[in-house]
Amino acid sequence: MYLKQRVVENRLIGHPSQGIYKLVLSGQISKTAQPGQFLHIQVSATQDPLLRRPLSIAGINRVKEEVTIYYKVVGRGTDLLTRFKENDYISVLGPLGTGFTIPQKGELLLIAGGIGVFPLYSLIQAVDREQVKIHLFWGGENIDFLESADLKYILNTGVNLKISTMDGSLGHQGLVTDLLQAGIRDSGFADLNHNHLLAAAACGPKGMLKAAAEICLKNNIPLEVSLEERMACGIGACLGCVCTVKGEDGNLKRKRVCKEGPVLKAEEVVWDAKS
């Protein structure tokens, strides 16, 4: 169902060179939205461009009836989206897709690559922090990116945060999966995993997700991954965003990222499948 949502704010945050915006929408979508789902947003007041843009939900406030989106300007569509002002109305389809499982107890590992941290924000928000301890492993290009992607928000949540940057400007220099591997090795998570009190969720570039899946599966840690694919309709009709998965019977089949995903179990994804 297409809904008109009111713009509460739509502003550039952090370093202008990073082109990251925070968009807050007010409307009834907040009543049913879940962490890991996304919105299909019409980025201009006209039908040009025709296709909407899928953007992950980063925050849900049911009391204020607001949802928060972070997006990075990477092309014409997201550039057009920056032109919406406070109290404008945007046509939105959603919430769409299958979201994350929210753990009720134990510890949760979150692995984020770049702007893949955004859908994890809503998961952090939804978890009962008195029952679940969260460990976030987050990698980015440099400190400017991390600050622009709202590092301050993450610090305020009080999660156990480990950071990597490719240039070494903040935290570990190198890949975020290096941090994940070291964290699993040094933390004593094995006992938690044995008692089914450990889970993981990840979002980021495909290469990072594949590496995170290999690490987690090797250590018998159940992992959910949020996939990114180009989408057209957003509702599963066009089959433009399918991915290859392995069924319980061992046979390969296709799933729609916009419908059965974007969140899937890591062990079912066939990472090297030809599109």
C-alpha atoms as a PDB file:
ATOM      1  CA  MET A   1       0.000   0.000   0.000  1.00  0.00           C
ATOM      2  CA  TYR A   2       1.349   3.410  -0.979  1.00  0.00           C
ATOM      3  CA  LEU A   3       1.303   5.898   1.878  1.00  0.00           C
ATOM      4  CA  LYS A   4       2.068   9.592   2.148  1.00  0.00           C
ATOM      5  CA  GLN A   5       4.512  10.199   4.984  1.00  0.00           C
ATOM      6  CA  ARG A   6       5.355  13.656   6.309  1.00  0.00           C
ATOM      7  CA  VAL A   7       8.984  14.764   6.394  1.00  0.00           C
ATOM      8  CA  VAL A   8      10.029  15.690   9.926  1.00  0.00           C
ATOM      9  CA  GLU A   9      13.641  16.304   8.941  1.00  0.00           C
ATOM     10  CA  ASN A  10      15.893  15.605   5.978  1.00  0.00           C
ATOM     11  CA  ARG A  11      19.372  16.954   6.557  1.00  0.00           C
ATOM     12  CA  LEU A  12      23.015  16.382   5.816  1.00  0.00           C
ATOM     13  CA  ILE A  13      24.897  15.057   8.826  1.00  0.00           C
ATOM     14  CA  GLY A  14      28.625  14.920   9.459  1.00  0.00           C
ATOM     15  CA  HIS A  15      31.253  15.782   6.881  1.00  0.00           C
ATOM     16  CA  PRO A  16      29.774  17.174   3.615  1.00  0.00           C
ATOM     17  CA  SER A  17      32.232  15.081   1.588  1.00  0.00           C
ATOM     18  CA  GLN A  18      30.507  11.908   2.816  1.00  0.00           C
ATOM     19  CA  GLY A  19      27.058  12.918   1.547  1.00  0.00           C
ATOM     20  CA  ILE A  20      25.117  11.147   4.315  1.00  0.00           C
ATOM     21  CA  TYR A  21      21.608  12.331   5.161  1.00  0.00           C
ATOM     22  CA  LYS A  22      19.212  11.609   7.997  1.00  0.00           C
ATOM     23  CA  LEU A  23      15.561  11.405   6.971  1.00  0.00           C
ATOM     24  CA  VAL A  24      12.773  11.188   9.560  1.00  0.00           C
ATOM     25  CA  LEU A  25       9.235  10.419   8.366  1.00  0.00           C
ATOM     26  CA  SER A  26       6.011  10.691  10.330  1.00  0.00           C
ATOM     27  CA  GLY A  27       3.049   8.428   9.624  1.00  0.00           C
ATOM     28  CA  GLN A  28       1.444   5.073  10.180  1.00  0.00           C
ATOM     29  CA  ILE A  29       4.372   3.021   8.815  1.00  0.00           C
ATOM     30  CA  SER A  30       5.932   3.279  12.280  1.00  0.00           C
ATOM     31  CA  LYS A  31       3.097   1.202  13.746  1.00  0.00           C
ATOM     32  CA  THR A  32       4.129  -2.027  12.014  1.00  0.00           C
ATOM     33  CA  ALA A  33       7.782  -1.507  10.968  1.00  0.00           C
ATOM     34  CA  GLN A  34      10.316  -4.068  12.203  1.00  0.00           C
ATOM     35  CA  PRO A  35      14.144  -4.012  12.341  1.00  0.00           C
ATOM     36  CA  GLY A  36      15.630  -5.192   9.057  1.00  0.00           C
ATOM     37  CA  GLN A  37      12.687  -4.145   6.892  1.00  0.00           C
ATOM     38  CA  PHE A  38      12.910  -1.390   4.293  1.00  0.00           C
ATOM     39  CA  LEU A  39      10.868   1.338   2.630  1.00  0.00           C
ATOM     40  CA  HIS A  40      10.430   1.808  -1.108  1.00  0.00           C
ATOM     41  CA  ILE A  41      10.539   5.573  -1.557  1.00  0.00           C
ATOM     42  CA  GLN A  42       9.527   7.781  -4.463  1.00  0.00           C
ATOM     43  CA  VAL A  43      12.486  10.154  -4.680  1.00  0.00           C
ATOM     44  CA  SER A  44      10.859  12.992  -6.599  1.00  0.00           C
ATOM     45  CA  ALA A  45       7.467  14.656  -6.868  1.00  0.00           C
ATOM     46  CA  THR A  46       7.155  13.377 -10.455  1.00  0.00           C
ATOM     47  CA  GLN A  47       7.489   9.946 -12.086  1.00  0.00           C
ATOM     48  CA  ASP A  48      11.036  10.743 -13.195  1.00  0.00           C
ATOM     49  CA  PRO A  49      12.841   8.632 -12.215  1.00  0.00           C
ATOM     50  CA  LEU A  50      10.191   5.945 -12.453  1.00  0.00           C
ATOM     51  CA  LEU A  51      11.730   3.450 -10.036  1.00  0.00           C
ATOM     52  CA  ARG A  52      11.604   3.981  -6.302  1.00  0.00           C
ATOM     53  CA  ARG A  53      14.626   3.575  -4.047  1.00  0.00           C
ATOM     54  CA  PRO A  54      14.768   0.876  -1.333  1.00  0.00           C
ATOM     55  CA  LEU A  55      16.128   2.279   1.933  1.00  0.00           C
ATOM     56  CA  SER A  56      16.580   0.368   5.185  1.00  0.00           C
ATOM     57  CA  ILE A  57      14.750   1.399   8.323  1.00  0.00           C
ATOM     58  CA  ALA A  58      17.273   2.648  10.888  1.00  0.00           C
ATOM     59  CA  GLY A  59      14.941   3.755  13.661  1.00  0.00           C
ATOM     60  CA  ILE A  60      11.367   3.160  14.801  1.00  0.00           C
ATOM     61  CA  ASN A  61       9.544   5.377  17.291  1.00  0.00           C
ATOM     62  CA  ARG A  62       6.012   4.112  17.755  1.00  0.00           C
ATOM     63  CA  VAL A  63       5.165   6.772  20.360  1.00  0.00           C
ATOM     64  CA  LYS A  64       6.031   9.666  18.034  1.00  0.00           C
ATOM     65  CA  GLU A  65       4.886   7.634  14.992  1.00  0.00           C
ATOM     66  CA  GLU A  66       8.211   8.187  13.242  1.00  0.00           C
ATOM     67  CA  VAL A  67      10.701   6.115  11.305  1.00  0.00           C
ATOM     68  CA  THR A  68      14.295   7.146  10.625  1.00  0.00           C
ATOM     69  CA  ILE A  69      16.268   6.484   7.453  1.00  0.00           C
ATOM     70  CA  TYR A  70      19.932   7.188   6.780  1.00  0.00           C
ATOM     71  CA  TYR A  71      21.046   7.354   3.167  1.00  0.00           C
ATOM     72  CA  LYS A  72      24.175   8.230   1.228  1.00  0.00           C
ATOM     73  CA  VAL A  73      23.980  10.279  -1.973  1.00  0.00           C
ATOM     74  CA  VAL A  74      25.371   7.991  -4.675  1.00  0.00           C
ATOM     75  CA  GLY A  75      23.390   8.960  -7.776  1.00  0.00           C
ATOM     76  CA  ARG A  76      20.532  10.946  -9.246  1.00  0.00           C
ATOM     77  CA  GLY A  77      17.823   9.233  -7.204  1.00  0.00           C
ATOM     78  CA  THR A  78      19.312   9.864  -3.784  1.00  0.00           C
ATOM     79  CA  ASP A  79      20.326  13.374  -4.868  1.00  0.00           C
ATOM     80  CA  LEU A  80      16.688  14.119  -5.690  1.00  0.00           C
ATOM     81  CA  LEU A  81      15.644  12.773  -2.303  1.00  0.00           C
ATOM     82  CA  THR A  82      17.751  15.442  -0.574  1.00  0.00           C
ATOM     83  CA  ARG A  83      15.432  18.130  -1.969  1.00  0.00           C
ATOM     84  CA  PHE A  84      12.463  17.193   0.205  1.00  0.00           C
ATOM     85  CA  LYS A  85      11.989  19.683   3.029  1.00  0.00           C
ATOM     86  CA  GLU A  86      10.307  19.652   6.422  1.00  0.00           C
ATOM     87  CA  ASN A  87       6.513  19.126   6.151  1.00  0.00           C
ATOM     88  CA  ASP A  88       6.719  17.912   2.559  1.00  0.00           C
ATOM     89  CA  TYR A  89       5.004  14.587   1.892  1.00  0.00           C
ATOM     90  CA  ILE A  90       6.753  11.597   0.332  1.00  0.00           C
ATOM     91  CA  SER A  91       5.082   8.600  -1.292  1.00  0.00           C
ATOM     92  CA  VAL A  92       6.306   5.475   0.481  1.00  0.00           C
ATOM     93  CA  LEU A  93       5.596   1.783   0.018  1.00  0.00           C
ATOM     94  CA  GLY A  94       6.203  -0.241   3.143  1.00  0.00           C
ATOM     95  CA  PRO A  95       7.305  -1.507   5.492  1.00  0.00           C
ATOM     96  CA  LEU A  96       8.534  -4.295   3.208  1.00  0.00           C
ATOM     97  CA  GLY A  97      10.505  -7.509   3.481  1.00  0.00           C
ATOM     98  CA  THR A  98      11.490  -9.923   6.199  1.00  0.00           C
ATOM     99  CA  GLY A  99      13.442  -8.464   9.109  1.00  0.00           C
ATOM    100  CA  PHE A 100      15.829  -9.650  11.792  1.00  0.00           C
ATOM    101  CA  THR A 101      15.071 -12.078  14.586  1.00  0.00           C
ATOM    102  CA  ILE A 102      15.176 -10.152  17.870  1.00  0.00           C
ATOM    103  CA  PRO A 103      16.977 -12.190  20.561  1.00  0.00           C
ATOM    104  CA  GLN A 104      15.369 -12.330  23.991  1.00  0.00           C
ATOM    105  CA  LYS A 105      18.455 -13.218  26.057  1.00  0.00           C
ATOM    106  CA  GLY A 106      22.182 -13.892  25.793  1.00  0.00           C
ATOM    107  CA  GLU A 107      24.597 -11.950  23.575  1.00  0.00           C
ATOM    108  CA  LEU A 108      24.288 -10.591  20.059  1.00  0.00           C
ATOM    109  CA  LEU A 109      27.162 -10.007  17.647  1.00  0.00           C
ATOM    110  CA  LEU A 110      26.567  -7.342  15.011  1.00  0.00           C
ATOM    111  CA  ILE A 111      28.893  -7.021  12.013  1.00  0.00           C
ATOM    112  CA  ALA A 112      28.610  -3.922   9.837  1.00  0.00           C
ATOM    113  CA  GLY A 113      30.495  -2.841   6.735  1.00  0.00           C
ATOM    114  CA  GLY A 114      30.201   0.838   5.859  1.00  0.00           C
ATOM    115  CA  ILE A 115      26.607   2.055   5.569  1.00  0.00           C
ATOM    116  CA  GLY A 116      25.534  -1.504   6.319  1.00  0.00           C
ATOM    117  CA  VAL A 117      25.398  -0.310   9.911  1.00  0.00           C
ATOM    118  CA  PHE A 118      22.157   1.586   9.255  1.00  0.00           C
ATOM    119  CA  PRO A 119      19.674  -1.328   9.378  1.00  0.00           C
ATOM    120  CA  LEU A 120      21.467  -2.585  12.490  1.00  0.00           C
ATOM    121  CA  TYR A 121      20.589   0.638  14.324  1.00  0.00           C
ATOM    122  CA  SER A 122      16.937  -0.393  14.521  1.00  0.00           C
ATOM    123  CA  LEU A 123      17.932  -3.848  15.796  1.00  0.00           C
ATOM    124  CA  ILE A 124      20.012  -2.292  18.574  1.00  0.00           C
ATOM    125  CA  GLN A 125      17.027  -0.138  19.438  1.00  0.00           C
ATOM    126  CA  ALA A 126      14.632  -3.100  19.600  1.00  0.00           C
ATOM    127  CA  VAL A 127      16.710  -5.391  21.831  1.00  0.00           C
ATOM    128  CA  ASP A 128      16.026  -5.499  25.571  1.00  0.00           C
ATOM    129  CA  ARG A 129      19.433  -4.406  26.800  1.00  0.00           C
ATOM    130  CA  GLU A 130      18.827  -5.782  30.282  1.00  0.00           C
ATOM    131  CA  GLN A 131      18.549  -9.265  28.782  1.00  0.00           C
ATOM    132  CA  VAL A 132      20.916  -9.074  25.791  1.00  0.00           C
ATOM    133  CA  LYS A 133      24.486  -7.773  25.589  1.00  0.00           C
ATOM    134  CA  ILE A 134      25.389  -6.356  22.178  1.00  0.00           C
ATOM    135  CA  HIS A 135      28.826  -6.420  20.543  1.00  0.00           C
ATOM    136  CA  LEU A 136      29.157  -4.307  17.388  1.00  0.00           C
ATOM    137  CA  PHE A 137      32.041  -4.777  14.939  1.00  0.00           C
ATOM    138  CA  TRP A 138      31.949  -1.869  12.485  1.00  0.00           C
ATOM    139  CA  GLY A 139      34.311  -1.141   9.623  1.00  0.00           C
ATOM    140  CA  GLY A 140      34.536   1.952   7.412  1.00  0.00           C
ATOM    141  CA  GLU A 141      36.904   3.772   5.113  1.00  0.00           C
ATOM    142  CA  ASN A 142      38.017   6.410   7.608  1.00  0.00           C
ATOM    143  CA  ILE A 143      37.083   8.447  10.662  1.00  0.00           C
ATOM    144  CA  ASP A 144      35.219  11.037   8.569  1.00  0.00           C
ATOM    145  CA  PHE A 145      32.852   8.354   7.311  1.00  0.00           C
ATOM    146  CA  LEU A 146      32.258   6.833  10.749  1.00  0.00           C
ATOM    147  CA  GLU A 147      31.496  10.207  12.312  1.00  0.00           C
ATOM    148  CA  SER A 148      29.167  11.100   9.445  1.00  0.00           C
ATOM    149  CA  ALA A 149      27.350   7.769   9.797  1.00  0.00           C
ATOM    150  CA  ASP A 150      26.422   8.801  13.350  1.00  0.00           C
ATOM    151  CA  LEU A 151      29.200   7.223  15.400  1.00  0.00           C
ATOM    152  CA  LYS A 152      28.019   9.447  18.248  1.00  0.00           C
ATOM    153  CA  TYR A 153      24.667   7.652  18.271  1.00  0.00           C
ATOM    154  CA  ILE A 154      26.377   4.268  18.578  1.00  0.00           C
ATOM    155  CA  LEU A 155      28.599   5.490  21.411  1.00  0.00           C
ATOM    156  CA  ASN A 156      25.519   6.728  23.261  1.00  0.00           C
ATOM    157  CA  THR A 157      23.839   3.322  23.027  1.00  0.00           C
ATOM    158  CA  GLY A 158      26.537   1.794  25.204  1.00  0.00           C
ATOM    159  CA  VAL A 159      27.110  -1.264  23.015  1.00  0.00           C
ATOM    160  CA  ASN A 160      30.488  -2.976  23.148  1.00  0.00           C
ATOM    161  CA  LEU A 161      32.004  -1.357  20.051  1.00  0.00           C
ATOM    162  CA  LYS A 162      35.023  -2.453  18.013  1.00  0.00           C
ATOM    163  CA  ILE A 163      35.987  -0.269  15.041  1.00  0.00           C
ATOM    164  CA  SER A 164      38.197  -0.742  12.007  1.00  0.00           C
ATOM    165  CA  THR A 165      39.140   1.712   9.276  1.00  0.00           C
ATOM    166  CA  MET A 166      40.955   1.006   6.041  1.00  0.00           C
ATOM    167  CA  ASP A 167      43.339   3.937   6.538  1.00  0.00           C
ATOM    168  CA  GLY A 168      43.869   3.399  10.265  1.00  0.00           C
ATOM    169  CA  SER A 169      42.454   6.818  11.204  1.00  0.00           C
ATOM    170  CA  LEU A 170      40.333   5.200  13.940  1.00  0.00           C
ATOM    171  CA  GLY A 171      40.530   1.805  15.601  1.00  0.00           C
ATOM    172  CA  HIS A 172      42.060  -1.252  13.942  1.00  0.00           C
ATOM    173  CA  GLN A 173      43.569  -0.723  10.489  1.00  0.00           C
ATOM    174  CA  GLY A 174      42.145  -3.346   8.174  1.00  0.00           C
ATOM    175  CA  LEU A 175      39.005  -5.401   7.688  1.00  0.00           C
ATOM    176  CA  VAL A 176      36.131  -5.566  10.129  1.00  0.00           C
ATOM    177  CA  THR A 177      36.110  -9.345   9.758  1.00  0.00           C
ATOM    178  CA  ASP A 178      39.600  -9.369  11.308  1.00  0.00           C
ATOM    179  CA  LEU A 179      38.022  -7.834  14.413  1.00  0.00           C
ATOM    180  CA  LEU A 180      35.205 -10.369  14.342  1.00  0.00           C
ATOM    181  CA  GLN A 181      37.598 -13.300  14.147  1.00  0.00           C
ATOM    182  CA  ALA A 182      39.733 -11.950  16.978  1.00  0.00           C
ATOM    183  CA  GLY A 183      36.684 -11.145  19.057  1.00  0.00           C
ATOM    184  CA  ILE A 184      35.317 -14.658  18.775  1.00  0.00           C
ATOM    185  CA  ARG A 185      38.726 -16.150  19.542  1.00  0.00           C
ATOM    186  CA  ASP A 186      39.435 -14.012  22.608  1.00  0.00           C
ATOM    187  CA  SER A 187      36.020 -13.528  24.205  1.00  0.00           C
ATOM    188  CA  GLY A 188      34.967 -16.956  25.382  1.00  0.00           C
ATOM    189  CA  PHE A 189      31.790 -16.944  23.298  1.00  0.00           C
ATOM    190  CA  ALA A 190      32.032 -20.728  22.940  1.00  0.00           C
ATOM    191  CA  ASP A 191      30.242 -21.401  26.232  1.00  0.00           C
ATOM    192  CA  LEU A 192      27.433 -19.031  25.301  1.00  0.00           C
ATOM    193  CA  ASN A 193      27.095 -20.682  21.921  1.00  0.00           C
ATOM    194  CA  HIS A 194      26.908 -24.126  23.533  1.00  0.00           C
ATOM    195  CA  ASN A 195      23.939 -22.922  25.588  1.00  0.00           C
ATOM    196  CA  HIS A 196      22.223 -21.329  22.574  1.00  0.00           C
ATOM    197  CA  LEU A 197      22.688 -17.836  23.998  1.00  0.00           C
ATOM    198  CA  LEU A 198      24.700 -16.374  21.129  1.00  0.00           C
ATOM    199  CA  ALA A 199      23.475 -15.052  17.794  1.00  0.00           C
ATOM    200  CA  ALA A 200      24.796 -12.725  15.094  1.00  0.00           C
ATOM    201  CA  ALA A 201      23.495 -10.359  12.435  1.00  0.00           C
ATOM    202  CA  ALA A 202      25.383  -8.625   9.627  1.00  0.00           C
ATOM    203  CA  CYS A 203      24.909  -6.102   6.860  1.00  0.00           C
ATOM    204  CA  GLY A 204      27.416  -4.707   4.392  1.00  0.00           C
ATOM    205  CA  PRO A 205      29.138  -5.453   1.081  1.00  0.00           C
ATOM    206  CA  LYS A 206      28.739  -8.969  -0.277  1.00  0.00           C
ATOM    207  CA  GLY A 207      32.413  -9.848   0.210  1.00  0.00           C
ATOM    208  CA  MET A 208      32.236  -8.858   3.863  1.00  0.00           C
ATOM    209  CA  LEU A 209      29.033 -10.832   4.381  1.00  0.00           C
ATOM    210  CA  LYS A 210      30.568 -13.917   2.827  1.00  0.00           C
ATOM    211  CA  ALA A 211      33.631 -13.653   5.073  1.00  0.00           C
ATOM    212  CA  ALA A 212      31.492 -13.047   8.166  1.00  0.00           C
ATOM    213  CA  ALA A 213      29.349 -16.057   7.252  1.00  0.00           C
ATOM    214  CA  GLU A 214      32.408 -18.277   6.946  1.00  0.00           C
ATOM    215  CA  ILE A 215      33.724 -17.143  10.336  1.00  0.00           C
ATOM    216  CA  CYS A 216      30.397 -17.529  12.133  1.00  0.00           C
ATOM    217  CA  LEU A 217      29.520 -20.872  10.576  1.00  0.00           C
ATOM    218  CA  LYS A 218      32.981 -22.222  11.380  1.00  0.00           C
ATOM    219  CA  ASN A 219      32.337 -21.317  15.013  1.00  0.00           C
ATOM    220  CA  ASN A 220      28.741 -22.627  14.960  1.00  0.00           C
ATOM    221  CA  ILE A 221      27.309 -19.138  15.527  1.00  0.00           C
ATOM    222  CA  PRO A 222      23.872 -18.648  13.916  1.00  0.00           C
ATOM    223  CA  LEU A 223      24.066 -15.619  11.622  1.00  0.00           C
ATOM    224  CA  GLU A 224      21.420 -13.607   9.815  1.00  0.00           C
ATOM    225  CA  VAL A 225      22.527 -11.425   6.902  1.00  0.00           C
ATOM    226  CA  SER A 226      20.790  -8.451   5.342  1.00  0.00           C
ATOM    227  CA  LEU A 227      21.357  -8.593   1.579  1.00  0.00           C
ATOM    228  CA  GLU A 228      21.476  -5.735  -0.878  1.00  0.00           C
ATOM    229  CA  GLU A 229      20.192  -6.213  -4.427  1.00  0.00           C
ATOM    230  CA  ARG A 230      18.910  -3.874  -7.110  1.00  0.00           C
ATOM    231  CA  MET A 231      15.129  -3.679  -6.855  1.00  0.00           C
ATOM    232  CA  ALA A 232      12.401  -2.509  -9.173  1.00  0.00           C
ATOM    233  CA  CYS A 233       8.948  -3.248  -7.759  1.00  0.00           C
ATOM    234  CA  GLY A 234       9.931  -3.973  -4.152  1.00  0.00           C
ATOM    235  CA  ILE A 235       7.048  -6.395  -3.631  1.00  0.00           C
ATOM    236  CA  GLY A 236       8.311  -9.585  -5.261  1.00  0.00           C
ATOM    237  CA  ALA A 237       6.437  -9.340  -8.538  1.00  0.00           C
ATOM    238  CA  CYS A 238       9.209  -8.482 -10.994  1.00  0.00           C
ATOM    239  CA  LEU A 239      11.776 -11.079  -9.798  1.00  0.00           C
ATOM    240  CA  GLY A 240      14.532  -8.552 -10.371  1.00  0.00           C
ATOM    241  CA  CYS A 241      16.232  -9.059  -7.006  1.00  0.00           C
ATOM    242  CA  VAL A 242      16.437 -12.820  -6.670  1.00  0.00           C
ATOM    243  CA  CYS A 243      19.363 -14.591  -5.019  1.00  0.00           C
ATOM    244  CA  THR A 244      20.375 -18.253  -4.951  1.00  0.00           C
ATOM    245  CA  VAL A 245      19.896 -20.235  -1.746  1.00  0.00           C
ATOM    246  CA  LYS A 246      20.257 -23.850  -0.691  1.00  0.00           C
ATOM    247  CA  GLY A 247      17.067 -25.430   0.594  1.00  0.00           C
ATOM    248  CA  GLU A 248      16.798 -27.870   3.493  1.00  0.00           C
ATOM    249  CA  ASP A 249      16.754 -30.677   0.929  1.00  0.00           C
ATOM    250  CA  GLY A 250      20.111 -29.498  -0.443  1.00  0.00           C
ATOM    251  CA  ASN A 251      18.656 -28.309  -3.739  1.00  0.00           C
ATOM    252  CA  LEU A 252      19.319 -24.820  -5.056  1.00  0.00           C
ATOM    253  CA  LYS A 253      16.456 -22.413  -5.455  1.00  0.00           C
ATOM    254  CA  ARG A 254      15.809 -18.698  -5.819  1.00  0.00           C
ATOM    255  CA  LYS A 255      14.484 -16.291  -3.215  1.00  0.00           C
ATOM    256  CA  ARG A 256      13.336 -12.711  -3.678  1.00  0.00           C
ATOM    257  CA  VAL A 257      15.448 -10.339  -1.594  1.00  0.00           C
ATOM    258  CA  CYS A 258      12.581  -7.845  -1.373  1.00  0.00           C
ATOM    259  CA  LYS A 259      10.096 -10.445  -0.137  1.00  0.00           C
ATOM    260  CA  GLU A 260      11.736 -13.463   1.536  1.00  0.00           C
ATOM    261  CA  GLY A 261      14.646 -11.156   2.426  1.00  0.00           C
ATOM    262  CA  PRO A 262      16.403  -8.845   2.766  1.00  0.00           C
ATOM    263  CA  VAL A 263      17.277 -10.789   5.937  1.00  0.00           C
ATOM    264  CA  LEU A 264      18.166 -14.446   5.357  1.00  0.00           C
ATOM    265  CA  LYS A 265      20.011 -17.141   7.286  1.00  0.00           C
ATOM    266  CA  ALA A 266      23.677 -17.045   6.286  1.00  0.00           C
ATOM    267  CA  GLU A 267      23.946 -20.815   5.902  1.00  0.00           C
ATOM    268  CA  GLU A 268      21.345 -20.891   3.153  1.00  0.00           C
ATOM    269  CA  VAL A 269      22.907 -18.195   0.937  1.00  0.00           C
ATOM    270  CA  VAL A 270      25.004 -19.448  -1.996  1.00  0.00           C
ATOM    271  CA  TRP A 271      27.580 -16.662  -2.047  1.00  0.00           C
ATOM    272  CA  ASP A 272      29.342 -17.583  -5.293  1.00  0.00           C
ATOM    273  CA  ALA A 273      26.227 -18.271  -7.362  1.00  0.00           C
ATOM    274  CA  LYS A 274      26.161 -16.775 -10.852  1.00  0.00           C
ATOM    275  CA  SER A 275      23.377 -14.258 -11.302  1.00  0.00           C
END
